[in-house]
């Protein structure tokens, strides 16, 4: 499966109980990235899509249930328990340091993943968001 996460410079995923992922340009890119496949997430992340794409699948156990090749949008779940299933990790980096409450538990370079692509783009609420694409070896 392919996992999509939003993180700050220190792999923070949420700060003060708030999500990092309200940027509408970023969310449109997530929808475009997952075209042609299912986009799995949970009910917490479902509200990011007021007009949900047709490929959106909502399940509280999405990381365990998503089939090979599917995309999973994860805002706060631990990834280490499903690390063996992750073929590709898409990290959308905010290039900021937030006082994070929750952090990504899977640090790609520590898991032997290879950084295969980076791309900077302007978001709606941030001048620069960086996409890092990590592949399992």
C-alpha atoms as a PDB file:
ATOM      1  CA  UNK A   1       0.000   0.000   0.000  1.00  0.00           C
ATOM      2  CA  UNK A   2       0.942   3.640  -0.421  1.00  0.00           C
ATOM      3  CA  UNK A   3       0.675   5.828   2.674  1.00  0.00           C
ATOM      4  CA  UNK A   4       0.193   9.593   2.661  1.00  0.00           C
ATOM      5  CA  UNK A   5       1.054  11.647   5.770  1.00  0.00           C
ATOM      6  CA  UNK A   6       1.380  15.333   6.598  1.00  0.00           C
ATOM      7  CA  UNK A   7       4.325  16.211   8.859  1.00  0.00           C
ATOM      8  CA  UNK A   8       6.331  19.106  10.208  1.00  0.00           C
ATOM      9  CA  UNK A   9      10.153  19.265  10.289  1.00  0.00           C
ATOM     10  CA  UNK A  10      10.325  16.909  13.280  1.00  0.00           C
ATOM     11  CA  UNK A  11       7.768  14.404  11.939  1.00  0.00           C
ATOM     12  CA  UNK A  12       4.994  15.933  14.029  1.00  0.00           C
ATOM     13  CA  UNK A  13       1.541  14.991  12.740  1.00  0.00           C
ATOM     14  CA  UNK A  14      -0.698  16.963  15.106  1.00  0.00           C
ATOM     15  CA  UNK A  15      -0.148  19.882  17.416  1.00  0.00           C
ATOM     16  CA  UNK A  16      -2.347  21.103  20.255  1.00  0.00           C
ATOM     17  CA  UNK A  17      -4.862  18.480  19.133  1.00  0.00           C
ATOM     18  CA  UNK A  18      -5.048  20.080  15.664  1.00  0.00           C
ATOM     19  CA  UNK A  19      -4.350  18.520  12.303  1.00  0.00           C
ATOM     20  CA  UNK A  20      -1.766  19.816   9.833  1.00  0.00           C
ATOM     21  CA  UNK A  21      -3.798  19.009   6.765  1.00  0.00           C
ATOM     22  CA  UNK A  22      -6.412  21.687   6.059  1.00  0.00           C
ATOM     23  CA  UNK A  23      -4.665  23.139   3.003  1.00  0.00           C
ATOM     24  CA  UNK A  24      -7.053  22.824   0.047  1.00  0.00           C
ATOM     25  CA  UNK A  25      -4.310  22.767  -2.609  1.00  0.00           C
ATOM     26  CA  UNK A  26      -2.632  19.901  -0.766  1.00  0.00           C
ATOM     27  CA  UNK A  27      -5.881  17.963  -0.455  1.00  0.00           C
ATOM     28  CA  UNK A  28      -6.548  18.364  -4.190  1.00  0.00           C
ATOM     29  CA  UNK A  29      -3.079  16.941  -4.860  1.00  0.00           C
ATOM     30  CA  UNK A  30      -3.889  13.941  -2.644  1.00  0.00           C
ATOM     31  CA  UNK A  31      -7.049  13.311  -4.663  1.00  0.00           C
ATOM     32  CA  UNK A  32      -5.097  13.570  -7.928  1.00  0.00           C
ATOM     33  CA  UNK A  33      -2.335  11.290  -6.647  1.00  0.00           C
ATOM     34  CA  UNK A  34      -4.805   8.559  -5.742  1.00  0.00           C
ATOM     35  CA  UNK A  35      -6.775   8.656  -9.003  1.00  0.00           C
ATOM     36  CA  UNK A  36      -7.080   5.198 -10.478  1.00  0.00           C
ATOM     37  CA  UNK A  37      -6.894   3.543  -7.061  1.00  0.00           C
ATOM     38  CA  UNK A  38      -8.849   3.569  -3.818  1.00  0.00           C
ATOM     39  CA  UNK A  39      -8.078   6.254  -1.240  1.00  0.00           C
ATOM     40  CA  UNK A  40      -8.573   4.748   2.212  1.00  0.00           C
ATOM     41  CA  UNK A  41      -8.862   6.744   5.422  1.00  0.00           C
ATOM     42  CA  UNK A  42     -10.800   6.887   8.689  1.00  0.00           C
ATOM     43  CA  UNK A  43     -13.795   8.981   9.755  1.00  0.00           C
ATOM     44  CA  UNK A  44     -11.499  11.564  11.382  1.00  0.00           C
ATOM     45  CA  UNK A  45      -9.850  12.316   8.024  1.00  0.00           C
ATOM     46  CA  UNK A  46     -13.034  11.883   6.007  1.00  0.00           C
ATOM     47  CA  UNK A  47     -14.168  15.379   7.058  1.00  0.00           C
ATOM     48  CA  UNK A  48     -11.283  16.877   5.057  1.00  0.00           C
ATOM     49  CA  UNK A  49     -13.324  16.098   1.941  1.00  0.00           C
ATOM     50  CA  UNK A  50     -16.699  17.907   2.065  1.00  0.00           C
ATOM     51  CA  UNK A  51     -17.326  16.654  -1.479  1.00  0.00           C
ATOM     52  CA  UNK A  52     -15.612  13.258  -1.229  1.00  0.00           C
ATOM     53  CA  UNK A  53     -13.979  11.773  -4.316  1.00  0.00           C
ATOM     54  CA  UNK A  54     -15.582   8.630  -5.723  1.00  0.00           C
ATOM     55  CA  UNK A  55     -12.532   6.542  -4.808  1.00  0.00           C
ATOM     56  CA  UNK A  56     -12.712   7.397  -1.072  1.00  0.00           C
ATOM     57  CA  UNK A  57     -13.135   4.403   1.250  1.00  0.00           C
ATOM     58  CA  UNK A  58     -13.729   5.068   4.962  1.00  0.00           C
ATOM     59  CA  UNK A  59     -12.875   2.468   7.591  1.00  0.00           C
ATOM     60  CA  UNK A  60     -11.579   2.701  11.121  1.00  0.00           C
ATOM     61  CA  UNK A  61      -9.210  -0.180  10.255  1.00  0.00           C
ATOM     62  CA  UNK A  62      -8.068   1.258   6.929  1.00  0.00           C
ATOM     63  CA  UNK A  63      -4.360   0.517   7.412  1.00  0.00           C
ATOM     64  CA  UNK A  64      -5.101  -3.170   7.956  1.00  0.00           C
ATOM     65  CA  UNK A  65      -7.873  -3.480   5.343  1.00  0.00           C
ATOM     66  CA  UNK A  66      -6.461  -1.515   2.397  1.00  0.00           C
ATOM     67  CA  UNK A  67      -5.316  -3.827  -0.405  1.00  0.00           C
ATOM     68  CA  UNK A  68      -1.969  -3.751  -2.144  1.00  0.00           C
ATOM     69  CA  UNK A  69      -1.707  -0.724  -4.431  1.00  0.00           C
ATOM     70  CA  UNK A  70      -4.275   1.333  -2.534  1.00  0.00           C
ATOM     71  CA  UNK A  71      -3.513   4.753  -1.070  1.00  0.00           C
ATOM     72  CA  UNK A  72      -4.041   5.422   2.637  1.00  0.00           C
ATOM     73  CA  UNK A  73      -4.334   8.896   4.113  1.00  0.00           C
ATOM     74  CA  UNK A  74      -3.069   8.736   7.687  1.00  0.00           C
ATOM     75  CA  UNK A  75      -3.175  11.752   9.987  1.00  0.00           C
ATOM     76  CA  UNK A  76      -2.404  10.168  13.338  1.00  0.00           C
ATOM     77  CA  UNK A  77      -2.175   6.374  13.306  1.00  0.00           C
ATOM     78  CA  UNK A  78       1.017   4.430  14.060  1.00  0.00           C
ATOM     79  CA  UNK A  79       2.627   2.970  10.943  1.00  0.00           C
ATOM     80  CA  UNK A  80       5.224   0.638  12.460  1.00  0.00           C
ATOM     81  CA  UNK A  81       2.649  -2.165  12.959  1.00  0.00           C
ATOM     82  CA  UNK A  82       1.981  -2.160   9.192  1.00  0.00           C
ATOM     83  CA  UNK A  83       5.478  -1.184   7.993  1.00  0.00           C
ATOM     84  CA  UNK A  84       5.933  -4.416   6.017  1.00  0.00           C
ATOM     85  CA  UNK A  85       2.876  -3.562   3.896  1.00  0.00           C
ATOM     86  CA  UNK A  86       4.083  -0.068   2.911  1.00  0.00           C
ATOM     87  CA  UNK A  87       5.491   0.073  -0.593  1.00  0.00           C
ATOM     88  CA  UNK A  88       5.644   3.856  -0.804  1.00  0.00           C
ATOM     89  CA  UNK A  89       5.397   6.659   1.753  1.00  0.00           C
ATOM     90  CA  UNK A  90       4.337  10.129   0.612  1.00  0.00           C
ATOM     91  CA  UNK A  91       5.285  12.764   3.168  1.00  0.00           C
ATOM     92  CA  UNK A  92       3.883  16.240   2.673  1.00  0.00           C
ATOM     93  CA  UNK A  93       6.202  18.406   4.769  1.00  0.00           C
ATOM     94  CA  UNK A  94       5.143  21.782   6.110  1.00  0.00           C
ATOM     95  CA  UNK A  95       8.742  23.011   6.517  1.00  0.00           C
ATOM     96  CA  UNK A  96       7.930  24.335   9.976  1.00  0.00           C
ATOM     97  CA  UNK A  97       8.467  23.311  13.581  1.00  0.00           C
ATOM     98  CA  UNK A  98       5.193  22.911  15.440  1.00  0.00           C
ATOM     99  CA  UNK A  99       4.824  21.888  19.101  1.00  0.00           C
ATOM    100  CA  UNK A 100       3.547  18.473  18.066  1.00  0.00           C
ATOM    101  CA  UNK A 101       1.459  16.224  20.314  1.00  0.00           C
ATOM    102  CA  UNK A 102       1.693  13.220  18.005  1.00  0.00           C
ATOM    103  CA  UNK A 103       4.580  12.215  15.783  1.00  0.00           C
ATOM    104  CA  UNK A 104       5.011   9.852  12.882  1.00  0.00           C
ATOM    105  CA  UNK A 105       6.423   6.679  14.396  1.00  0.00           C
ATOM    106  CA  UNK A 106       7.923   5.389  11.139  1.00  0.00           C
ATOM    107  CA  UNK A 107      10.971   7.428  10.167  1.00  0.00           C
ATOM    108  CA  UNK A 108      11.589   6.356   6.557  1.00  0.00           C
ATOM    109  CA  UNK A 109      15.392   6.483   6.535  1.00  0.00           C
ATOM    110  CA  UNK A 110      15.493   4.472   9.770  1.00  0.00           C
ATOM    111  CA  UNK A 111      13.343   1.806   8.103  1.00  0.00           C
ATOM    112  CA  UNK A 112      15.733   1.537   5.156  1.00  0.00           C
ATOM    113  CA  UNK A 113      13.405   3.345   2.762  1.00  0.00           C
ATOM    114  CA  UNK A 114      14.904   5.229  -0.161  1.00  0.00           C
ATOM    115  CA  UNK A 115      14.064   8.849  -0.963  1.00  0.00           C
ATOM    116  CA  UNK A 116      13.210   8.733  -4.676  1.00  0.00           C
ATOM    117  CA  UNK A 117      11.661  12.155  -5.281  1.00  0.00           C
ATOM    118  CA  UNK A 118      11.149  15.578  -3.740  1.00  0.00           C
ATOM    119  CA  UNK A 119       9.001  18.396  -5.019  1.00  0.00           C
ATOM    120  CA  UNK A 120       8.251  21.847  -3.644  1.00  0.00           C
ATOM    121  CA  UNK A 121       4.942  23.485  -4.456  1.00  0.00           C
ATOM    122  CA  UNK A 122       2.887  26.393  -3.115  1.00  0.00           C
ATOM    123  CA  UNK A 123      -0.099  25.516  -0.997  1.00  0.00           C
ATOM    124  CA  UNK A 124      -3.095  27.679  -0.249  1.00  0.00           C
ATOM    125  CA  UNK A 125      -2.101  28.464   3.337  1.00  0.00           C
ATOM    126  CA  UNK A 126       1.685  27.909   3.065  1.00  0.00           C
ATOM    127  CA  UNK A 127       4.146  29.399   0.593  1.00  0.00           C
ATOM    128  CA  UNK A 128       6.016  26.126   0.278  1.00  0.00           C
ATOM    129  CA  UNK A 129       5.046  22.527   0.952  1.00  0.00           C
ATOM    130  CA  UNK A 130       7.555  19.796   0.157  1.00  0.00           C
ATOM    131  CA  UNK A 131       6.549  16.356  -1.052  1.00  0.00           C
ATOM    132  CA  UNK A 132       8.984  13.575  -0.212  1.00  0.00           C
ATOM    133  CA  UNK A 133       8.400  10.199  -1.836  1.00  0.00           C
ATOM    134  CA  UNK A 134      10.018   7.253  -0.029  1.00  0.00           C
ATOM    135  CA  UNK A 135      10.068   3.703  -1.401  1.00  0.00           C
ATOM    136  CA  UNK A 136      10.623   0.475   0.460  1.00  0.00           C
ATOM    137  CA  UNK A 137      13.714  -1.422  -0.672  1.00  0.00           C
END
